[in-house]
């Protein structure tokens, strides 16, 4: 498993990182593809995604950085 923030997960999914869509999906209890575990620290979320999901989509992270 690989640890990512909610914003990094949004980029992996191809969504706008500042939109808050992932945080809203977490709040409403929606199913998030690739997420195996979810931890909350104050107002931020740490998502543990499968290594396969991360490997397939990590190219998107490099485009933003």
PDB file of N, CA and C in Angstrom:
ATOM      1  N   UNK A   1       0.837  -1.185   0.000  1.00  0.00           N
ATOM      2  CA  UNK A   1       0.000   0.000   0.000  1.00  0.00           C
ATOM      3  C   UNK A   1       0.881   1.248   0.000  1.00  0.00           C
ATOM      4  N   UNK A   2       0.382   2.289  -0.630  1.00  0.00           N
ATOM      5  CA  UNK A   2       1.099   3.555  -0.745  1.00  0.00           C
ATOM      6  C   UNK A   2       0.240   4.640  -0.103  1.00  0.00           C
ATOM      7  N   UNK A   3       0.857   5.496   0.692  1.00  0.00           N
ATOM      8  CA  UNK A   3       0.148   6.568   1.378  1.00  0.00           C
ATOM      9  C   UNK A   3       0.129   7.827   0.514  1.00  0.00           C
ATOM     10  N   UNK A   4      -1.057   8.413   0.322  1.00  0.00           N
ATOM     11  CA  UNK A   4      -1.191   9.671  -0.419  1.00  0.00           C
ATOM     12  C   UNK A   4      -2.187  10.568   0.313  1.00  0.00           C
ATOM     13  N   UNK A   5      -2.103  11.871   0.046  1.00  0.00           N
ATOM     14  CA  UNK A   5      -3.069  12.806   0.603  1.00  0.00           C
ATOM     15  C   UNK A   5      -4.306  12.837  -0.289  1.00  0.00           C
ATOM     16  N   UNK A   6      -5.342  13.508   0.172  1.00  0.00           N
ATOM     17  CA  UNK A   6      -6.562  13.611  -0.622  1.00  0.00           C
ATOM     18  C   UNK A   6      -6.308  14.357  -1.927  1.00  0.00           C
ATOM     19  N   UNK A   7      -5.470  15.390  -1.889  1.00  0.00           N
ATOM     20  CA  UNK A   7      -5.163  16.147  -3.107  1.00  0.00           C
ATOM     21  C   UNK A   7      -4.362  15.313  -4.097  1.00  0.00           C
ATOM     22  N   UNK A   8      -3.404  14.541  -3.612  1.00  0.00           N
ATOM     23  CA  UNK A   8      -2.628  13.676  -4.494  1.00  0.00           C
ATOM     24  C   UNK A   8      -3.520  12.608  -5.107  1.00  0.00           C
ATOM     25  N   UNK A   9      -4.462  12.091  -4.331  1.00  0.00           N
ATOM     26  CA  UNK A   9      -5.393  11.093  -4.857  1.00  0.00           C
ATOM     27  C   UNK A   9      -6.269  11.697  -5.954  1.00  0.00           C
ATOM     28  N   UNK A  10      -6.672  12.948  -5.758  1.00  0.00           N
ATOM     29  CA  UNK A  10      -7.473  13.625  -6.781  1.00  0.00           C
ATOM     30  C   UNK A  10      -6.702  13.721  -8.092  1.00  0.00           C
ATOM     31  N   UNK A  11      -5.415  14.034  -8.011  1.00  0.00           N
ATOM     32  CA  UNK A  11      -4.585  14.116  -9.216  1.00  0.00           C
ATOM     33  C   UNK A  11      -4.447  12.733  -9.851  1.00  0.00           C
ATOM     34  N   UNK A  12      -4.268  11.697  -9.024  1.00  0.00           N
ATOM     35  CA  UNK A  12      -4.180  10.331  -9.563  1.00  0.00           C
ATOM     36  C   UNK A  12      -5.441   9.950 -10.320  1.00  0.00           C
ATOM     37  N   UNK A  13      -6.585  10.429  -9.844  1.00  0.00           N
ATOM     38  CA  UNK A  13      -7.849  10.126 -10.498  1.00  0.00           C
ATOM     39  C   UNK A  13      -8.134  11.035 -11.689  1.00  0.00           C
ATOM     40  N   UNK A  14      -7.357  12.107 -11.854  1.00  0.00           N
ATOM     41  CA  UNK A  14      -7.568  13.026 -12.970  1.00  0.00           C
ATOM     42  C   UNK A  14      -8.527  14.147 -12.628  1.00  0.00           C
ATOM     43  N   UNK A  15      -8.725  14.414 -11.349  1.00  0.00           N
ATOM     44  CA  UNK A  15      -9.597  15.488 -10.899  1.00  0.00           C
ATOM     45  C   UNK A  15      -8.768  16.692 -10.493  1.00  0.00           C
ATOM     46  N   UNK A  16      -9.421  17.851 -10.365  1.00  0.00           N
ATOM     47  CA  UNK A  16      -8.724  19.056  -9.931  1.00  0.00           C
ATOM     48  C   UNK A  16      -8.394  18.923  -8.447  1.00  0.00           C
ATOM     49  N   UNK A  17      -7.123  19.115  -8.046  1.00  0.00           N
ATOM     50  CA  UNK A  17      -6.733  18.863  -6.661  1.00  0.00           C
ATOM     51  C   UNK A  17      -7.330  19.817  -5.641  1.00  0.00           C
ATOM     52  N   UNK A  18      -7.654  21.053  -6.022  1.00  0.00           N
ATOM     53  CA  UNK A  18      -8.168  22.016  -5.059  1.00  0.00           C
ATOM     54  C   UNK A  18      -9.698  22.028  -5.016  1.00  0.00           C
ATOM     55  N   UNK A  19     -10.344  21.162  -5.763  1.00  0.00           N
ATOM     56  CA  UNK A  19     -11.794  21.178  -5.833  1.00  0.00           C
ATOM     57  C   UNK A  19     -12.507  20.652  -4.611  1.00  0.00           C
ATOM     58  N   UNK A  20     -11.877  19.788  -3.847  1.00  0.00           N
ATOM     59  CA  UNK A  20     -12.514  19.243  -2.657  1.00  0.00           C
ATOM     60  C   UNK A  20     -13.446  18.080  -2.943  1.00  0.00           C
ATOM     61  N   UNK A  21     -13.432  17.571  -4.164  1.00  0.00           N
ATOM     62  CA  UNK A  21     -14.332  16.482  -4.536  1.00  0.00           C
ATOM     63  C   UNK A  21     -14.034  15.206  -3.751  1.00  0.00           C
ATOM     64  N   UNK A  22     -12.768  14.940  -3.506  1.00  0.00           N
ATOM     65  CA  UNK A  22     -12.393  13.726  -2.786  1.00  0.00           C
ATOM     66  C   UNK A  22     -12.823  13.827  -1.329  1.00  0.00           C
ATOM     67  N   UNK A  23     -12.594  14.983  -0.706  1.00  0.00           N
ATOM     68  CA  UNK A  23     -13.002  15.152   0.689  1.00  0.00           C
ATOM     69  C   UNK A  23     -14.513  15.039   0.834  1.00  0.00           C
ATOM     70  N   UNK A  24     -15.256  15.544  -0.134  1.00  0.00           N
ATOM     71  CA  UNK A  24     -16.711  15.439  -0.085  1.00  0.00           C
ATOM     72  C   UNK A  24     -17.151  13.988  -0.282  1.00  0.00           C
ATOM     73  N   UNK A  25     -16.479  13.261  -1.179  1.00  0.00           N
ATOM     74  CA  UNK A  25     -16.797  11.848  -1.398  1.00  0.00           C
ATOM     75  C   UNK A  25     -16.517  11.029  -0.137  1.00  0.00           C
ATOM     76  N   UNK A  26     -15.443  11.360   0.568  1.00  0.00           N
ATOM     77  CA  UNK A  26     -15.136  10.675   1.828  1.00  0.00           C
ATOM     78  C   UNK A  26     -16.223  10.959   2.847  1.00  0.00           C
ATOM     79  N   UNK A  27     -16.630  12.210   2.947  1.00  0.00           N
ATOM     80  CA  UNK A  27     -17.653  12.618   3.913  1.00  0.00           C
ATOM     81  C   UNK A  27     -18.985  11.924   3.647  1.00  0.00           C
ATOM     82  N   UNK A  28     -19.339  11.763   2.377  1.00  0.00           N
ATOM     83  CA  UNK A  28     -20.610  11.140   2.017  1.00  0.00           C
ATOM     84  C   UNK A  28     -20.534   9.616   1.986  1.00  0.00           C
ATOM     85  N   UNK A  29     -19.332   9.057   2.157  1.00  0.00           N
ATOM     86  CA  UNK A  29     -19.170   7.615   2.222  1.00  0.00           C
ATOM     87  C   UNK A  29     -19.160   6.911   0.878  1.00  0.00           C
ATOM     88  N   UNK A  30     -18.776   7.610  -0.162  1.00  0.00           N
ATOM     89  CA  UNK A  30     -18.710   7.005  -1.490  1.00  0.00           C
ATOM     90  C   UNK A  30     -17.541   6.037  -1.599  1.00  0.00           C
ATOM     91  N   UNK A  31     -17.640   5.102  -2.533  1.00  0.00           N
ATOM     92  CA  UNK A  31     -16.571   4.153  -2.785  1.00  0.00           C
ATOM     93  C   UNK A  31     -15.488   4.842  -3.623  1.00  0.00           C
ATOM     94  N   UNK A  32     -14.246   4.797  -3.158  1.00  0.00           N
ATOM     95  CA  UNK A  32     -13.130   5.411  -3.870  1.00  0.00           C
ATOM     96  C   UNK A  32     -12.258   4.310  -4.456  1.00  0.00           C
ATOM     97  N   UNK A  33     -12.183   4.210  -5.789  1.00  0.00           N
ATOM     98  CA  UNK A  33     -11.407   3.148  -6.429  1.00  0.00           C
ATOM     99  C   UNK A  33      -9.934   3.181  -6.035  1.00  0.00           C
ATOM    100  N   UNK A  34      -9.403   2.025  -5.698  1.00  0.00           N
ATOM    101  CA  UNK A  34      -7.995   1.904  -5.357  1.00  0.00           C
ATOM    102  C   UNK A  34      -7.675   2.137  -3.892  1.00  0.00           C
ATOM    103  N   UNK A  35      -8.592   2.717  -3.125  1.00  0.00           N
ATOM    104  CA  UNK A  35      -8.337   3.021  -1.717  1.00  0.00           C
ATOM    105  C   UNK A  35      -8.605   1.785  -0.875  1.00  0.00           C
ATOM    106  N   UNK A  36      -7.593   1.394  -0.084  1.00  0.00           N
ATOM    107  CA  UNK A  36      -7.727   0.229   0.774  1.00  0.00           C
ATOM    108  C   UNK A  36      -7.965   0.613   2.231  1.00  0.00           C
ATOM    109  N   UNK A  37      -7.466   1.785   2.626  1.00  0.00           N
ATOM    110  CA  UNK A  37      -7.568   2.205   4.020  1.00  0.00           C
ATOM    111  C   UNK A  37      -7.633   3.724   4.055  1.00  0.00           C
ATOM    112  N   UNK A  38      -8.333   4.270   5.042  1.00  0.00           N
ATOM    113  CA  UNK A  38      -8.511   5.709   5.147  1.00  0.00           C
ATOM    114  C   UNK A  38      -8.275   6.137   6.588  1.00  0.00           C
ATOM    115  N   UNK A  39      -7.440   7.154   6.790  1.00  0.00           N
ATOM    116  CA  UNK A  39      -7.166   7.688   8.122  1.00  0.00           C
ATOM    117  C   UNK A  39      -7.429   9.190   8.095  1.00  0.00           C
ATOM    118  N   UNK A  40      -7.927   9.718   9.215  1.00  0.00           N
ATOM    119  CA  UNK A  40      -8.191  11.142   9.300  1.00  0.00           C
ATOM    120  C   UNK A  40      -7.342  11.739  10.417  1.00  0.00           C
ATOM    121  N   UNK A  41      -6.660  12.847  10.100  1.00  0.00           N
ATOM    122  CA  UNK A  41      -5.853  13.566  11.064  1.00  0.00           C
ATOM    123  C   UNK A  41      -6.346  15.004  11.108  1.00  0.00           C
ATOM    124  N   UNK A  42      -7.165  15.335  12.076  1.00  0.00           N
ATOM    125  CA  UNK A  42      -7.735  16.680  12.139  1.00  0.00           C
ATOM    126  C   UNK A  42      -8.666  16.890  10.956  1.00  0.00           C
ATOM    127  N   UNK A  43      -8.326  17.846  10.090  1.00  0.00           N
ATOM    128  CA  UNK A  43      -9.145  18.106   8.902  1.00  0.00           C
ATOM    129  C   UNK A  43      -8.591  17.437   7.646  1.00  0.00           C
ATOM    130  N   UNK A  44      -7.414  16.845   7.737  1.00  0.00           N
ATOM    131  CA  UNK A  44      -6.816  16.235   6.551  1.00  0.00           C
ATOM    132  C   UNK A  44      -7.021  14.725   6.561  1.00  0.00           C
ATOM    133  N   UNK A  45      -6.956  14.133   5.386  1.00  0.00           N
ATOM    134  CA  UNK A  45      -7.138  12.691   5.226  1.00  0.00           C
ATOM    135  C   UNK A  45      -5.895  12.076   4.612  1.00  0.00           C
ATOM    136  N   UNK A  46      -5.572  10.890   5.068  1.00  0.00           N
ATOM    137  CA  UNK A  46      -4.486  10.105   4.500  1.00  0.00           C
ATOM    138  C   UNK A  46      -5.118   8.857   3.914  1.00  0.00           C
ATOM    139  N   UNK A  47      -4.917   8.637   2.630  1.00  0.00           N
ATOM    140  CA  UNK A  47      -5.498   7.490   1.946  1.00  0.00           C
ATOM    141  C   UNK A  47      -4.402   6.492   1.623  1.00  0.00           C
ATOM    142  N   UNK A  48      -4.649   5.240   1.884  1.00  0.00           N
ATOM    143  CA  UNK A  48      -3.720   4.169   1.543  1.00  0.00           C
ATOM    144  C   UNK A  48      -4.277   3.489   0.309  1.00  0.00           C
ATOM    145  N   UNK A  49      -3.587   3.657  -0.820  1.00  0.00           N
ATOM    146  CA  UNK A  49      -4.052   3.096  -2.087  1.00  0.00           C
ATOM    147  C   UNK A  49      -3.221   1.862  -2.436  1.00  0.00           C
ATOM    148  N   UNK A  50      -3.793   0.999  -3.254  1.00  0.00           N
ATOM    149  CA  UNK A  50      -3.079  -0.204  -3.671  1.00  0.00           C
ATOM    150  C   UNK A  50      -1.902   0.182  -4.563  1.00  0.00           C
ATOM    151  N   UNK A  51      -0.859  -0.614  -4.502  1.00  0.00           N
ATOM    152  CA  UNK A  51       0.333  -0.332  -5.293  1.00  0.00           C
ATOM    153  C   UNK A  51       0.045  -0.416  -6.784  1.00  0.00           C
ATOM    154  N   UNK A  52      -0.848  -1.302  -7.178  1.00  0.00           N
ATOM    155  CA  UNK A  52      -1.211  -1.435  -8.590  1.00  0.00           C
ATOM    156  C   UNK A  52      -1.883  -0.159  -9.096  1.00  0.00           C
ATOM    157  N   UNK A  53      -2.826   0.383  -8.336  1.00  0.00           N
ATOM    158  CA  UNK A  53      -3.513   1.620  -8.703  1.00  0.00           C
ATOM    159  C   UNK A  53      -2.514   2.771  -8.796  1.00  0.00           C
ATOM    160  N   UNK A  54      -1.589   2.835  -7.839  1.00  0.00           N
ATOM    161  CA  UNK A  54      -0.597   3.907  -7.826  1.00  0.00           C
ATOM    162  C   UNK A  54       0.333   3.817  -9.033  1.00  0.00           C
ATOM    163  N   UNK A  55       0.807   2.619  -9.350  1.00  0.00           N
ATOM    164  CA  UNK A  55       1.718   2.431 -10.486  1.00  0.00           C
ATOM    165  C   UNK A  55       1.050   2.815 -11.802  1.00  0.00           C
ATOM    166  N   UNK A  56      -0.224   2.456 -11.966  1.00  0.00           N
ATOM    167  CA  UNK A  56      -0.914   2.755 -13.224  1.00  0.00           C
ATOM    168  C   UNK A  56      -1.142   4.250 -13.421  1.00  0.00           C
ATOM    169  N   UNK A  57      -1.250   5.031 -12.331  1.00  0.00           N
ATOM    170  CA  UNK A  57      -1.638   6.434 -12.446  1.00  0.00           C
ATOM    171  C   UNK A  57      -0.580   7.435 -11.993  1.00  0.00           C
ATOM    172  N   UNK A  58       0.620   7.000 -11.609  1.00  0.00           N
ATOM    173  CA  UNK A  58       1.616   7.909 -11.057  1.00  0.00           C
ATOM    174  C   UNK A  58       2.141   8.916 -12.078  1.00  0.00           C
ATOM    175  N   UNK A  59       1.963   8.670 -13.372  1.00  0.00           N
ATOM    176  CA  UNK A  59       2.401   9.618 -14.387  1.00  0.00           C
ATOM    177  C   UNK A  59       1.693  10.958 -14.235  1.00  0.00           C
ATOM    178  N   UNK A  60       0.452  10.920 -13.760  1.00  0.00           N
ATOM    179  CA  UNK A  60      -0.312  12.152 -13.569  1.00  0.00           C
ATOM    180  C   UNK A  60       0.270  13.013 -12.480  1.00  0.00           C
ATOM    181  N   UNK A  61       0.871  12.427 -11.456  1.00  0.00           N
ATOM    182  CA  UNK A  61       1.475  13.206 -10.376  1.00  0.00           C
ATOM    183  C   UNK A  61       2.650  14.020 -10.890  1.00  0.00           C
ATOM    184  N   UNK A  62       3.431  13.483 -11.802  1.00  0.00           N
ATOM    185  CA  UNK A  62       4.604  14.178 -12.313  1.00  0.00           C
ATOM    186  C   UNK A  62       4.215  15.362 -13.192  1.00  0.00           C
ATOM    187  N   UNK A  63       3.071  15.294 -13.871  1.00  0.00           N
ATOM    188  CA  UNK A  63       2.626  16.393 -14.722  1.00  0.00           C
ATOM    189  C   UNK A  63       2.311  17.629 -13.906  1.00  0.00           C
ATOM    190  N   UNK A  64       1.751  17.457 -12.695  1.00  0.00           N
ATOM    191  CA  UNK A  64       1.354  18.580 -11.868  1.00  0.00           C
ATOM    192  C   UNK A  64       2.558  19.214 -11.201  1.00  0.00           C
ATOM    193  N   UNK A  65       3.506  18.399 -10.765  1.00  0.00           N
ATOM    194  CA  UNK A  65       4.687  18.911 -10.015  1.00  0.00           C
ATOM    195  C   UNK A  65       5.630  19.642 -10.894  1.00  0.00           C
TER     196      UNK A  65
END
